[in-house]
């Protein structure tokens, strides 16, 4: 399983909104369209 991760570099580590995790690419793209059109997320494997 993978997730998509976005890191807001304008926030401090630990701040609300510093990291966002999306269950799939569609969820990430929808959020970016509305909130951060210039942003990107990277795919990351979920470790069990």
C-alpha atoms as a PDB file:
ATOM      1  CA  UNK A   1       0.000   0.000   0.000  1.00  0.00           C
ATOM      2  CA  UNK A   2       1.195   3.524  -0.727  1.00  0.00           C
ATOM      3  CA  UNK A   3       0.116   7.020   0.289  1.00  0.00           C
ATOM      4  CA  UNK A   4       0.932  10.459  -1.079  1.00  0.00           C
ATOM      5  CA  UNK A   5       2.737  12.889   1.222  1.00  0.00           C
ATOM      6  CA  UNK A   6       2.926  16.682   1.002  1.00  0.00           C
ATOM      7  CA  UNK A   7       5.328  18.749   3.116  1.00  0.00           C
ATOM      8  CA  UNK A   8       4.593  22.455   3.508  1.00  0.00           C
ATOM      9  CA  UNK A   9       8.083  23.931   3.790  1.00  0.00           C
ATOM     10  CA  UNK A  10       6.734  27.303   4.945  1.00  0.00           C
ATOM     11  CA  UNK A  11       5.617  25.677   8.228  1.00  0.00           C
ATOM     12  CA  UNK A  12       7.760  24.620  11.177  1.00  0.00           C
ATOM     13  CA  UNK A  13       8.102  20.934  12.031  1.00  0.00           C
ATOM     14  CA  UNK A  14       5.198  20.043  14.303  1.00  0.00           C
ATOM     15  CA  UNK A  15       2.921  22.880  13.121  1.00  0.00           C
ATOM     16  CA  UNK A  16      -0.584  21.992  12.003  1.00  0.00           C
ATOM     17  CA  UNK A  17      -0.516  21.599   8.241  1.00  0.00           C
ATOM     18  CA  UNK A  18       3.224  20.936   8.012  1.00  0.00           C
ATOM     19  CA  UNK A  19       2.575  17.455   6.600  1.00  0.00           C
ATOM     20  CA  UNK A  20      -0.477  16.135   4.791  1.00  0.00           C
ATOM     21  CA  UNK A  21      -0.994  12.469   3.898  1.00  0.00           C
ATOM     22  CA  UNK A  22      -3.407  11.439   1.149  1.00  0.00           C
ATOM     23  CA  UNK A  23      -4.816   7.943   0.636  1.00  0.00           C
ATOM     24  CA  UNK A  24      -4.529   8.150  -3.143  1.00  0.00           C
ATOM     25  CA  UNK A  25      -3.458  10.370  -6.020  1.00  0.00           C
ATOM     26  CA  UNK A  26      -7.001  11.598  -6.724  1.00  0.00           C
ATOM     27  CA  UNK A  27      -7.388  12.873  -3.148  1.00  0.00           C
ATOM     28  CA  UNK A  28      -4.050  14.679  -3.382  1.00  0.00           C
ATOM     29  CA  UNK A  29      -4.857  16.262  -6.743  1.00  0.00           C
ATOM     30  CA  UNK A  30      -8.258  17.470  -5.516  1.00  0.00           C
ATOM     31  CA  UNK A  31      -6.704  19.070  -2.436  1.00  0.00           C
ATOM     32  CA  UNK A  32      -3.945  20.722  -4.485  1.00  0.00           C
ATOM     33  CA  UNK A  33      -6.413  22.223  -6.949  1.00  0.00           C
ATOM     34  CA  UNK A  34      -8.243  23.955  -4.082  1.00  0.00           C
ATOM     35  CA  UNK A  35      -5.372  24.756  -1.702  1.00  0.00           C
ATOM     36  CA  UNK A  36      -1.910  24.714  -3.229  1.00  0.00           C
ATOM     37  CA  UNK A  37      -1.915  24.558  -7.042  1.00  0.00           C
ATOM     38  CA  UNK A  38       1.893  24.812  -7.142  1.00  0.00           C
ATOM     39  CA  UNK A  39       2.381  21.992  -4.615  1.00  0.00           C
ATOM     40  CA  UNK A  40       3.400  18.408  -5.232  1.00  0.00           C
ATOM     41  CA  UNK A  41       3.201  15.205  -3.240  1.00  0.00           C
ATOM     42  CA  UNK A  42       5.446  12.184  -3.346  1.00  0.00           C
ATOM     43  CA  UNK A  43       4.364   8.568  -3.176  1.00  0.00           C
ATOM     44  CA  UNK A  44       5.530   6.646  -0.142  1.00  0.00           C
ATOM     45  CA  UNK A  45       5.111   2.987   0.812  1.00  0.00           C
ATOM     46  CA  UNK A  46       3.268   2.289   4.064  1.00  0.00           C
ATOM     47  CA  UNK A  47       5.293  -0.042   6.252  1.00  0.00           C
ATOM     48  CA  UNK A  48       3.501  -2.709   8.221  1.00  0.00           C
END
